[in-house]
Amino acid sequence: MSENLTLDDVAVPLRTLRLLSADFGHLPAPDVHVSTTYPERLKLTFHDDLPGFEVWREALGVAPDAVTYREQGDGRTRVLRVSVDHAGAVVQLTGYADVVAPVLAGGAA
């Protein structure tokens, strides 16, 4: 879908970003991504900041049970993801964090 798109073709997620920055400028700053491959999508990504992901999830009114959880990197990285329609765009929140290894009694790992 990215063939011959103009900046006007990605105006919806850009406008959504503008609204989010006006309404939620006090929230943690995510990595922001707009793509000509998915011109209706605004991706907000949080690296090593699951609390930031959660604050944004709550601000956008997304129920906790709508969030998907998976692990990647041989179980070393947890990934939370959810999408929601907001102001005409699909806003995709993604949060990454290390999986913390449990500490066993006696200090054995």
PDB file of N, CA and C in Angstrom:
ATOM      1  N   MET A   1       0.819  -1.194   0.000  1.00  0.00           N
ATOM      2  CA  MET A   1       0.000   0.000   0.000  1.00  0.00           C
ATOM      3  C   MET A   1       0.860   1.253   0.000  1.00  0.00           C
ATOM      4  N   SER A   2       2.149   1.141   0.181  1.00  0.00           N
ATOM      5  CA  SER A   2       2.991   2.322   0.331  1.00  0.00           C
ATOM      6  C   SER A   2       3.355   2.991  -0.981  1.00  0.00           C
ATOM      7  N   GLU A   3       2.955   2.428  -2.094  1.00  0.00           N
ATOM      8  CA  GLU A   3       3.341   2.987  -3.387  1.00  0.00           C
ATOM      9  C   GLU A   3       2.679   4.341  -3.630  1.00  0.00           C
ATOM     10  N   ASN A   4       3.506   5.357  -3.842  1.00  0.00           N
ATOM     11  CA  ASN A   4       3.056   6.707  -4.212  1.00  0.00           C
ATOM     12  C   ASN A   4       2.176   7.396  -3.166  1.00  0.00           C
ATOM     13  N   LEU A   5       2.313   7.062  -1.906  1.00  0.00           N
ATOM     14  CA  LEU A   5       1.555   7.763  -0.872  1.00  0.00           C
ATOM     15  C   LEU A   5       2.178   9.125  -0.609  1.00  0.00           C
ATOM     16  N   THR A   6       1.346  10.033  -0.158  1.00  0.00           N
ATOM     17  CA  THR A   6       1.805  11.366   0.210  1.00  0.00           C
ATOM     18  C   THR A   6       1.659  11.539   1.718  1.00  0.00           C
ATOM     19  N   LEU A   7       2.164  12.633   2.226  1.00  0.00           N
ATOM     20  CA  LEU A   7       2.012  12.916   3.650  1.00  0.00           C
ATOM     21  C   LEU A   7       0.535  13.041   4.018  1.00  0.00           C
ATOM     22  N   ASP A   8      -0.276  13.536   3.098  1.00  0.00           N
ATOM     23  CA  ASP A   8      -1.724  13.588   3.345  1.00  0.00           C
ATOM     24  C   ASP A   8      -2.311  12.203   3.586  1.00  0.00           C
ATOM     25  N   ASP A   9      -1.720  11.188   2.995  1.00  0.00           N
ATOM     26  CA  ASP A   9      -2.231   9.821   3.147  1.00  0.00           C
ATOM     27  C   ASP A   9      -1.990   9.247   4.538  1.00  0.00           C
ATOM     28  N   VAL A  10      -1.095   9.836   5.288  1.00  0.00           N
ATOM     29  CA  VAL A  10      -0.870   9.405   6.671  1.00  0.00           C
ATOM     30  C   VAL A  10      -1.314  10.487   7.660  1.00  0.00           C
ATOM     31  N   ALA A  11      -2.188  11.362   7.203  1.00  0.00           N
ATOM     32  CA  ALA A  11      -2.646  12.474   8.045  1.00  0.00           C
ATOM     33  C   ALA A  11      -3.455  12.004   9.254  1.00  0.00           C
ATOM     34  N   VAL A  12      -4.209  10.912   9.122  1.00  0.00           N
ATOM     35  CA  VAL A  12      -5.042  10.460  10.243  1.00  0.00           C
ATOM     36  C   VAL A  12      -4.196  10.089  11.457  1.00  0.00           C
ATOM     37  N   PRO A  13      -3.191   9.220  11.341  1.00  0.00           N
ATOM     38  CA  PRO A  13      -2.397   8.924  12.538  1.00  0.00           C
ATOM     39  C   PRO A  13      -1.603  10.134  13.028  1.00  0.00           C
ATOM     40  N   LEU A  14      -1.198  11.012  12.130  1.00  0.00           N
ATOM     41  CA  LEU A  14      -0.482  12.219  12.563  1.00  0.00           C
ATOM     42  C   LEU A  14      -1.403  13.145  13.349  1.00  0.00           C
ATOM     43  N   ARG A  15      -2.640  13.280  12.893  1.00  0.00           N
ATOM     44  CA  ARG A  15      -3.612  14.088  13.658  1.00  0.00           C
ATOM     45  C   ARG A  15      -3.901  13.451  15.007  1.00  0.00           C
ATOM     46  N   THR A  16      -3.989  12.130  15.015  1.00  0.00           N
ATOM     47  CA  THR A  16      -4.220  11.421  16.272  1.00  0.00           C
ATOM     48  C   THR A  16      -3.062  11.662  17.235  1.00  0.00           C
ATOM     49  N   LEU A  17      -1.846  11.626  16.737  1.00  0.00           N
ATOM     50  CA  LEU A  17      -0.679  11.919  17.570  1.00  0.00           C
ATOM     51  C   LEU A  17      -0.765  13.333  18.131  1.00  0.00           C
ATOM     52  N   ARG A  18      -1.181  14.262  17.315  1.00  0.00           N
ATOM     53  CA  ARG A  18      -1.335  15.649  17.778  1.00  0.00           C
ATOM     54  C   ARG A  18      -2.366  15.736  18.904  1.00  0.00           C
ATOM     55  N   LEU A  19      -3.487  15.047  18.738  1.00  0.00           N
ATOM     56  CA  LEU A  19      -4.511  15.044  19.792  1.00  0.00           C
ATOM     57  C   LEU A  19      -3.996  14.376  21.064  1.00  0.00           C
ATOM     58  N   LEU A  20      -3.309  13.257  20.906  1.00  0.00           N
ATOM     59  CA  LEU A  20      -2.774  12.564  22.080  1.00  0.00           C
ATOM     60  C   LEU A  20      -1.762  13.421  22.823  1.00  0.00           C
ATOM     61  N   SER A  21      -0.924  14.136  22.075  1.00  0.00           N
ATOM     62  CA  SER A  21       0.068  14.981  22.741  1.00  0.00           C
ATOM     63  C   SER A  21      -0.598  16.148  23.457  1.00  0.00           C
ATOM     64  N   ALA A  22      -1.712  16.630  22.931  1.00  0.00           N
ATOM     65  CA  ALA A  22      -2.439  17.711  23.605  1.00  0.00           C
ATOM     66  C   ALA A  22      -3.178  17.191  24.838  1.00  0.00           C
ATOM     67  N   ASP A  23      -3.812  16.026  24.708  1.00  0.00           N
ATOM     68  CA  ASP A  23      -4.615  15.481  25.805  1.00  0.00           C
ATOM     69  C   ASP A  23      -3.793  14.767  26.865  1.00  0.00           C
ATOM     70  N   PHE A  24      -2.700  14.137  26.447  1.00  0.00           N
ATOM     71  CA  PHE A  24      -1.927  13.298  27.358  1.00  0.00           C
ATOM     72  C   PHE A  24      -0.448  13.662  27.376  1.00  0.00           C
ATOM     73  N   GLY A  25      -0.146  14.915  27.176  1.00  0.00           N
ATOM     74  CA  GLY A  25       1.242  15.369  27.145  1.00  0.00           C
ATOM     75  C   GLY A  25       2.008  15.104  28.427  1.00  0.00           C
ATOM     76  N   HIS A  26       1.299  14.879  29.505  1.00  0.00           N
ATOM     77  CA  HIS A  26       1.926  14.615  30.806  1.00  0.00           C
ATOM     78  C   HIS A  26       2.323  13.140  30.978  1.00  0.00           C
ATOM     79  N   LEU A  27       1.908  12.281  30.044  1.00  0.00           N
ATOM     80  CA  LEU A  27       2.222  10.854  30.153  1.00  0.00           C
ATOM     81  C   LEU A  27       3.620  10.562  29.621  1.00  0.00           C
ATOM     82  N   PRO A  28       4.171   9.398  29.975  1.00  0.00           N
ATOM     83  CA  PRO A  28       5.508   9.041  29.498  1.00  0.00           C
ATOM     84  C   PRO A  28       5.578   9.056  27.969  1.00  0.00           C
ATOM     85  N   ALA A  29       6.687   9.531  27.445  1.00  0.00           N
ATOM     86  CA  ALA A  29       6.871   9.610  25.997  1.00  0.00           C
ATOM     87  C   ALA A  29       7.232   8.234  25.436  1.00  0.00           C
ATOM     88  N   PRO A  30       6.475   7.768  24.442  1.00  0.00           N
ATOM     89  CA  PRO A  30       6.809   6.504  23.786  1.00  0.00           C
ATOM     90  C   PRO A  30       7.662   6.742  22.548  1.00  0.00           C
ATOM     91  N   ASP A  31       8.192   5.663  21.983  1.00  0.00           N
ATOM     92  CA  ASP A  31       8.692   5.726  20.618  1.00  0.00           C
ATOM     93  C   ASP A  31       7.452   5.818  19.737  1.00  0.00           C
ATOM     94  N   VAL A  32       7.502   6.656  18.719  1.00  0.00           N
ATOM     95  CA  VAL A  32       6.341   6.880  17.851  1.00  0.00           C
ATOM     96  C   VAL A  32       6.696   6.428  16.446  1.00  0.00           C
ATOM     97  N   HIS A  33       5.761   5.708  15.822  1.00  0.00           N
ATOM     98  CA  HIS A  33       6.009   5.226  14.466  1.00  0.00           C
ATOM     99  C   HIS A  33       4.742   5.363  13.625  1.00  0.00           C
ATOM    100  N   VAL A  34       4.884   6.016  12.472  1.00  0.00           N
ATOM    101  CA  VAL A  34       3.841   6.088  11.456  1.00  0.00           C
ATOM    102  C   VAL A  34       4.445   5.504  10.191  1.00  0.00           C
ATOM    103  N   SER A  35       3.697   4.647   9.514  1.00  0.00           N
ATOM    104  CA  SER A  35       4.233   3.928   8.366  1.00  0.00           C
ATOM    105  C   SER A  35       3.331   4.069   7.154  1.00  0.00           C
ATOM    106  N   THR A  36       3.945   4.155   5.990  1.00  0.00           N
ATOM    107  CA  THR A  36       3.156   4.147   4.760  1.00  0.00           C
ATOM    108  C   THR A  36       2.636   2.743   4.441  1.00  0.00           C
ATOM    109  N   THR A  37       3.186   1.730   5.076  1.00  0.00           N
ATOM    110  CA  THR A  37       2.684   0.369   4.881  1.00  0.00           C
ATOM    111  C   THR A  37       1.304   0.210   5.504  1.00  0.00           C
ATOM    112  N   TYR A  38       1.097   0.814   6.673  1.00  0.00           N
ATOM    113  CA  TYR A  38      -0.196   0.807   7.362  1.00  0.00           C
ATOM    114  C   TYR A  38      -0.565   2.257   7.667  1.00  0.00           C
ATOM    115  N   PRO A  39      -1.059   2.994   6.685  1.00  0.00           N
ATOM    116  CA  PRO A  39      -1.246   4.441   6.842  1.00  0.00           C
ATOM    117  C   PRO A  39      -2.332   4.848   7.833  1.00  0.00           C
ATOM    118  N   GLU A  40      -3.092   3.905   8.346  1.00  0.00           N
ATOM    119  CA  GLU A  40      -4.121   4.228   9.332  1.00  0.00           C
ATOM    120  C   GLU A  40      -3.653   3.976  10.767  1.00  0.00           C
ATOM    121  N   ARG A  41      -2.413   3.499  10.930  1.00  0.00           N
ATOM    122  CA  ARG A  41      -1.923   3.052  12.239  1.00  0.00           C
ATOM    123  C   ARG A  41      -0.908   4.022  12.836  1.00  0.00           C
ATOM    124  N   LEU A  42      -1.036   4.209  14.149  1.00  0.00           N
ATOM    125  CA  LEU A  42      -0.062   4.954  14.943  1.00  0.00           C
ATOM    126  C   LEU A  42       0.468   3.986  15.987  1.00  0.00           C
ATOM    127  N   LYS A  43       1.777   3.723  15.941  1.00  0.00           N
ATOM    128  CA  LYS A  43       2.376   2.797  16.893  1.00  0.00           C
ATOM    129  C   LYS A  43       3.090   3.577  17.999  1.00  0.00           C
ATOM    130  N   LEU A  44       2.753   3.242  19.229  1.00  0.00           N
ATOM    131  CA  LEU A  44       3.407   3.813  20.411  1.00  0.00           C
ATOM    132  C   LEU A  44       4.081   2.658  21.137  1.00  0.00           C
ATOM    133  N   THR A  45       5.399   2.721  21.267  1.00  0.00           N
ATOM    134  CA  THR A  45       6.169   1.613  21.812  1.00  0.00           C
ATOM    135  C   THR A  45       6.932   2.059  23.052  1.00  0.00           C
ATOM    136  N   PHE A  46       6.935   1.171  24.043  1.00  0.00           N
ATOM    137  CA  PHE A  46       7.602   1.439  25.317  1.00  0.00           C
ATOM    138  C   PHE A  46       8.636   0.352  25.550  1.00  0.00           C
ATOM    139  N   HIS A  47       9.908   0.744  25.584  1.00  0.00           N
ATOM    140  CA  HIS A  47      10.999  -0.198  25.828  1.00  0.00           C
ATOM    141  C   HIS A  47      11.411  -0.094  27.293  1.00  0.00           C
ATOM    142  N   ASP A  48      11.429  -1.238  27.974  1.00  0.00           N
ATOM    143  CA  ASP A  48      11.773  -1.286  29.406  1.00  0.00           C
ATOM    144  C   ASP A  48      10.906  -0.357  30.230  1.00  0.00           C
ATOM    145  N   ASP A  49       9.633  -0.224  29.859  1.00  0.00           N
ATOM    146  CA  ASP A  49       8.730   0.690  30.564  1.00  0.00           C
ATOM    147  C   ASP A  49       7.299   0.161  30.529  1.00  0.00           C
ATOM    148  N   LEU A  50       7.071  -0.986  31.178  1.00  0.00           N
ATOM    149  CA  LEU A  50       5.707  -1.499  31.243  1.00  0.00           C
ATOM    150  C   LEU A  50       4.781  -0.592  32.041  1.00  0.00           C
ATOM    151  N   PRO A  51       5.262   0.108  33.089  1.00  0.00           N
ATOM    152  CA  PRO A  51       4.375   1.072  33.742  1.00  0.00           C
ATOM    153  C   PRO A  51       3.910   2.172  32.770  1.00  0.00           C
ATOM    154  N   GLY A  52       4.791   2.625  31.888  1.00  0.00           N
ATOM    155  CA  GLY A  52       4.391   3.610  30.881  1.00  0.00           C
ATOM    156  C   GLY A  52       3.333   3.054  29.949  1.00  0.00           C
ATOM    157  N   PHE A  53       3.510   1.806  29.525  1.00  0.00           N
ATOM    158  CA  PHE A  53       2.505   1.125  28.705  1.00  0.00           C
ATOM    159  C   PHE A  53       1.167   1.115  29.426  1.00  0.00           C
ATOM    160  N   GLU A  54       1.174   0.742  30.700  1.00  0.00           N
ATOM    161  CA  GLU A  54      -0.067   0.643  31.476  1.00  0.00           C
ATOM    162  C   GLU A  54      -0.764   1.992  31.640  1.00  0.00           C
ATOM    163  N   VAL A  55       0.003   3.043  31.861  1.00  0.00           N
ATOM    164  CA  VAL A  55      -0.587   4.380  31.998  1.00  0.00           C
ATOM    165  C   VAL A  55      -1.299   4.769  30.706  1.00  0.00           C
ATOM    166  N   TRP A  56      -0.663   4.507  29.580  1.00  0.00           N
ATOM    167  CA  TRP A  56      -1.287   4.823  28.288  1.00  0.00           C
ATOM    168  C   TRP A  56      -2.505   3.944  28.035  1.00  0.00           C
ATOM    169  N   ARG A  57      -2.427   2.671  28.390  1.00  0.00           N
ATOM    170  CA  ARG A  57      -3.574   1.778  28.222  1.00  0.00           C
ATOM    171  C   ARG A  57      -4.775   2.314  28.982  1.00  0.00           C
ATOM    172  N   GLU A  58      -4.546   2.714  30.217  1.00  0.00           N
ATOM    173  CA  GLU A  58      -5.628   3.265  31.027  1.00  0.00           C
ATOM    174  C   GLU A  58      -6.148   4.574  30.442  1.00  0.00           C
ATOM    175  N   ALA A  59      -5.244   5.446  30.005  1.00  0.00           N
ATOM    176  CA  ALA A  59      -5.649   6.743  29.446  1.00  0.00           C
ATOM    177  C   ALA A  59      -6.514   6.563  28.201  1.00  0.00           C
ATOM    178  N   LEU A  60      -6.227   5.531  27.414  1.00  0.00           N
ATOM    179  CA  LEU A  60      -7.001   5.279  26.197  1.00  0.00           C
ATOM    180  C   LEU A  60      -8.251   4.446  26.461  1.00  0.00           C
ATOM    181  N   GLY A  61      -8.473   4.078  27.720  1.00  0.00           N
ATOM    182  CA  GLY A  61      -9.686   3.350  28.087  1.00  0.00           C
ATOM    183  C   GLY A  61      -9.731   1.915  27.603  1.00  0.00           C
ATOM    184  N   VAL A  62      -8.568   1.288  27.514  1.00  0.00           N
ATOM    185  CA  VAL A  62      -8.503  -0.099  27.055  1.00  0.00           C
ATOM    186  C   VAL A  62      -8.537  -1.026  28.269  1.00  0.00           C
ATOM    187  N   ALA A  63      -9.419  -2.012  28.218  1.00  0.00           N
ATOM    188  CA  ALA A  63      -9.542  -2.973  29.317  1.00  0.00           C
ATOM    189  C   ALA A  63      -8.283  -3.837  29.421  1.00  0.00           C
ATOM    190  N   PRO A  64      -7.876  -4.174  30.642  1.00  0.00           N
ATOM    191  CA  PRO A  64      -6.681  -5.016  30.815  1.00  0.00           C
ATOM    192  C   PRO A  64      -6.768  -6.355  30.089  1.00  0.00           C
ATOM    193  N   ASP A  65      -7.968  -6.930  30.017  1.00  0.00           N
ATOM    194  CA  ASP A  65      -8.089  -8.237  29.363  1.00  0.00           C
ATOM    195  C   ASP A  65      -7.996  -8.171  27.839  1.00  0.00           C
ATOM    196  N   ALA A  66      -7.915  -6.976  27.268  1.00  0.00           N
ATOM    197  CA  ALA A  66      -7.720  -6.825  25.826  1.00  0.00           C
ATOM    198  C   ALA A  66      -6.241  -6.922  25.443  1.00  0.00           C
ATOM    199  N   VAL A  67      -5.357  -6.856  26.426  1.00  0.00           N
ATOM    200  CA  VAL A  67      -3.911  -6.873  26.180  1.00  0.00           C
ATOM    201  C   VAL A  67      -3.452  -8.308  25.943  1.00  0.00           C
ATOM    202  N   THR A  68      -2.637  -8.486  24.905  1.00  0.00           N
ATOM    203  CA  THR A  68      -2.037  -9.801  24.678  1.00  0.00           C
ATOM    204  C   THR A  68      -0.641  -9.821  25.288  1.00  0.00           C
ATOM    205  N   TYR A  69      -0.260 -10.996  25.754  1.00  0.00           N
ATOM    206  CA  TYR A  69       1.054 -11.190  26.363  1.00  0.00           C
ATOM    207  C   TYR A  69       1.752 -12.317  25.622  1.00  0.00           C
ATOM    208  N   ARG A  70       3.027 -12.099  25.336  1.00  0.00           N
ATOM    209  CA  ARG A  70       3.858 -13.159  24.784  1.00  0.00           C
ATOM    210  C   ARG A  70       5.287 -12.917  25.210  1.00  0.00           C
ATOM    211  N   GLU A  71       6.106 -13.898  24.960  1.00  0.00           N
ATOM    212  CA  GLU A  71       7.532 -13.765  25.242  1.00  0.00           C
ATOM    213  C   GLU A  71       8.298 -14.019  23.958  1.00  0.00           C
ATOM    214  N   GLN A  72       9.442 -13.365  23.849  1.00  0.00           N
ATOM    215  CA  GLN A  72      10.312 -13.556  22.691  1.00  0.00           C
ATOM    216  C   GLN A  72      11.750 -13.633  23.168  1.00  0.00           C
ATOM    217  N   GLY A  73      12.647 -13.914  22.253  1.00  0.00           N
ATOM    218  CA  GLY A  73      14.062 -14.009  22.637  1.00  0.00           C
ATOM    219  C   GLY A  73      14.313 -15.142  23.590  1.00  0.00           C
ATOM    220  N   ASP A  74      13.757 -16.329  23.265  1.00  0.00           N
ATOM    221  CA  ASP A  74      13.916 -17.510  24.132  1.00  0.00           C
ATOM    222  C   ASP A  74      13.422 -17.242  25.549  1.00  0.00           C
ATOM    223  N   GLY A  75      12.342 -16.502  25.660  1.00  0.00           N
ATOM    224  CA  GLY A  75      11.743 -16.249  26.965  1.00  0.00           C
ATOM    225  C   GLY A  75      12.416 -15.156  27.777  1.00  0.00           C
ATOM    226  N   ARG A  76      13.293 -14.375  27.164  1.00  0.00           N
ATOM    227  CA  ARG A  76      14.007 -13.323  27.897  1.00  0.00           C
ATOM    228  C   ARG A  76      13.282 -11.982  27.871  1.00  0.00           C
ATOM    229  N   THR A  77      12.367 -11.788  26.910  1.00  0.00           N
ATOM    230  CA  THR A  77      11.684 -10.505  26.783  1.00  0.00           C
ATOM    231  C   THR A  77      10.181 -10.731  26.780  1.00  0.00           C
ATOM    232  N   ARG A  78       9.485 -10.009  27.624  1.00  0.00           N
ATOM    233  CA  ARG A  78       8.024 -10.066  27.605  1.00  0.00           C
ATOM    234  C   ARG A  78       7.507  -8.945  26.718  1.00  0.00           C
ATOM    235  N   VAL A  79       6.387  -9.199  26.068  1.00  0.00           N
ATOM    236  CA  VAL A  79       5.803  -8.241  25.138  1.00  0.00           C
ATOM    237  C   VAL A  79       4.313  -8.114  25.441  1.00  0.00           C
ATOM    238  N   LEU A  80       3.888  -6.897  25.714  1.00  0.00           N
ATOM    239  CA  LEU A  80       2.471  -6.593  25.872  1.00  0.00           C
ATOM    240  C   LEU A  80       2.034  -5.817  24.649  1.00  0.00           C
ATOM    241  N   ARG A  81       0.848  -6.128  24.120  1.00  0.00           N
ATOM    242  CA  ARG A  81       0.380  -5.428  22.925  1.00  0.00           C
ATOM    243  C   ARG A  81      -1.134  -5.308  22.950  1.00  0.00           C
ATOM    244  N   VAL A  82      -1.600  -4.150  22.487  1.00  0.00           N
ATOM    245  CA  VAL A  82      -3.038  -3.924  22.345  1.00  0.00           C
ATOM    246  C   VAL A  82      -3.250  -2.853  21.285  1.00  0.00           C
ATOM    247  N   SER A  83      -4.349  -2.957  20.576  1.00  0.00           N
ATOM    248  CA  SER A  83      -4.724  -1.941  19.595  1.00  0.00           C
ATOM    249  C   SER A  83      -6.098  -1.399  19.953  1.00  0.00           C
ATOM    250  N   VAL A  84      -6.280  -0.108  19.671  1.00  0.00           N
ATOM    251  CA  VAL A  84      -7.558   0.535  19.946  1.00  0.00           C
ATOM    252  C   VAL A  84      -7.802   1.605  18.885  1.00  0.00           C
ATOM    253  N   ASP A  85      -9.038   1.749  18.480  1.00  0.00           N
ATOM    254  CA  ASP A  85      -9.393   2.839  17.578  1.00  0.00           C
ATOM    255  C   ASP A  85      -9.498   4.115  18.400  1.00  0.00           C
ATOM    256  N   HIS A  86      -8.818   5.152  17.956  1.00  0.00           N
ATOM    257  CA  HIS A  86      -8.837   6.427  18.668  1.00  0.00           C
ATOM    258  C   HIS A  86      -8.703   7.561  17.660  1.00  0.00           C
ATOM    259  N   ALA A  87      -9.676   8.436  17.654  1.00  0.00           N
ATOM    260  CA  ALA A  87      -9.666   9.624  16.792  1.00  0.00           C
ATOM    261  C   ALA A  87      -9.451   9.269  15.323  1.00  0.00           C
ATOM    262  N   GLY A  88     -10.002   8.133  14.900  1.00  0.00           N
ATOM    263  CA  GLY A  88      -9.931   7.741  13.508  1.00  0.00           C
ATOM    264  C   GLY A  88      -8.742   6.890  13.124  1.00  0.00           C
ATOM    265  N   ALA A  89      -7.800   6.708  14.024  1.00  0.00           N
ATOM    266  CA  ALA A  89      -6.619   5.889  13.739  1.00  0.00           C
ATOM    267  C   ALA A  89      -6.634   4.638  14.608  1.00  0.00           C
ATOM    268  N   VAL A  90      -5.916   3.639  14.164  1.00  0.00           N
ATOM    269  CA  VAL A  90      -5.669   2.469  14.995  1.00  0.00           C
ATOM    270  C   VAL A  90      -4.398   2.770  15.781  1.00  0.00           C
ATOM    271  N   VAL A  91      -4.533   2.883  17.091  1.00  0.00           N
ATOM    272  CA  VAL A  91      -3.378   3.137  17.947  1.00  0.00           C
ATOM    273  C   VAL A  91      -2.935   1.796  18.517  1.00  0.00           C
ATOM    274  N   GLN A  92      -1.698   1.430  18.215  1.00  0.00           N
ATOM    275  CA  GLN A  92      -1.147   0.173  18.704  1.00  0.00           C
ATOM    276  C   GLN A  92      -0.123   0.481  19.790  1.00  0.00           C
ATOM    277  N   LEU A  93      -0.403  -0.004  20.993  1.00  0.00           N
ATOM    278  CA  LEU A  93       0.542   0.125  22.107  1.00  0.00           C
ATOM    279  C   LEU A  93       1.318  -1.176  22.223  1.00  0.00           C
ATOM    280  N   THR A  94       2.631  -1.065  22.358  1.00  0.00           N
ATOM    281  CA  THR A  94       3.475  -2.231  22.579  1.00  0.00           C
ATOM    282  C   THR A  94       4.453  -1.907  23.699  1.00  0.00           C
ATOM    283  N   GLY A  95       4.554  -2.808  24.649  1.00  0.00           N
ATOM    284  CA  GLY A  95       5.503  -2.645  25.742  1.00  0.00           C
ATOM    285  C   GLY A  95       6.452  -3.834  25.807  1.00  0.00           C
ATOM    286  N   TYR A  96       7.732  -3.540  25.975  1.00  0.00           N
ATOM    287  CA  TYR A  96       8.758  -4.579  26.097  1.00  0.00           C
ATOM    288  C   TYR A  96       9.438  -4.451  27.453  1.00  0.00           C
ATOM    289  N   ALA A  97       9.768  -5.592  28.034  1.00  0.00           N
ATOM    290  CA  ALA A  97      10.536  -5.595  29.283  1.00  0.00           C
ATOM    291  C   ALA A  97      11.224  -6.940  29.430  1.00  0.00           C
ATOM    292  N   ASP A  98      12.313  -6.940  30.166  1.00  0.00           N
ATOM    293  CA  ASP A  98      13.013  -8.186  30.452  1.00  0.00           C
ATOM    294  C   ASP A  98      12.147  -9.067  31.338  1.00  0.00           C
ATOM    295  N   VAL A  99      12.231 -10.365  31.116  1.00  0.00           N
ATOM    296  CA  VAL A  99      11.610 -11.330  32.014  1.00  0.00           C
ATOM    297  C   VAL A  99      12.575 -11.512  33.164  1.00  0.00           C
ATOM    298  N   VAL A 100      12.098 -11.285  34.354  1.00  0.00           N
ATOM    299  CA  VAL A 100      12.941 -11.402  35.531  1.00  0.00           C
ATOM    300  C   VAL A 100      12.969 -12.857  35.973  1.00  0.00           C
ATOM    301  N   ALA A 101      14.166 -13.395  36.065  1.00  0.00           N
ATOM    302  CA  ALA A 101      14.320 -14.782  36.506  1.00  0.00           C
ATOM    303  C   ALA A 101      13.992 -14.878  37.983  1.00  0.00           C
ATOM    304  N   PRO A 102      13.245 -15.902  38.380  1.00  0.00           N
ATOM    305  CA  PRO A 102      12.920 -16.057  39.799  1.00  0.00           C
ATOM    306  C   PRO A 102      14.174 -16.354  40.617  1.00  0.00           C
ATOM    307  N   VAL A 103      14.211 -15.831  41.810  1.00  0.00           N
ATOM    308  CA  VAL A 103      15.312 -16.131  42.735  1.00  0.00           C
ATOM    309  C   VAL A 103      14.873 -17.311  43.591  1.00  0.00           C
ATOM    310  N   LEU A 104      15.647 -18.361  43.554  1.00  0.00           N
ATOM    311  CA  LEU A 104      15.322 -19.555  44.305  1.00  0.00           C
ATOM    312  C   LEU A 104      15.908 -19.474  45.710  1.00  0.00           C
ATOM    313  N   ALA A 105      15.281 -20.150  46.643  1.00  0.00           N
ATOM    314  CA  ALA A 105      15.762 -20.187  48.025  1.00  0.00           C
ATOM    315  C   ALA A 105      17.166 -20.761  48.071  1.00  0.00           C
ATOM    316  N   GLY A 106      18.007 -20.171  48.866  1.00  0.00           N
ATOM    317  CA  GLY A 106      19.370 -20.650  49.015  1.00  0.00           C
ATOM    318  C   GLY A 106      20.323 -20.044  47.978  1.00  0.00           C
ATOM    319  N   GLY A 107      19.793 -19.146  47.124  1.00  0.00           N
ATOM    320  CA  GLY A 107      20.652 -18.467  46.166  1.00  0.00           C
ATOM    321  C   GLY A 107      20.944 -19.263  44.912  1.00  0.00           C
ATOM    322  N   ALA A 108      20.395 -20.470  44.776  1.00  0.00           N
ATOM    323  CA  ALA A 108      20.619 -21.253  43.566  1.00  0.00           C
ATOM    324  C   ALA A 108      19.793 -20.672  42.422  1.00  0.00           C
ATOM    325  N   ALA A 109      20.343 -20.720  41.224  1.00  0.00           N
ATOM    326  CA  ALA A 109      19.600 -20.191  40.085  1.00  0.00           C
ATOM    327  C   ALA A 109      19.203 -21.275  39.128  1.00  0.00           C
TER     328      ALA A 109
END
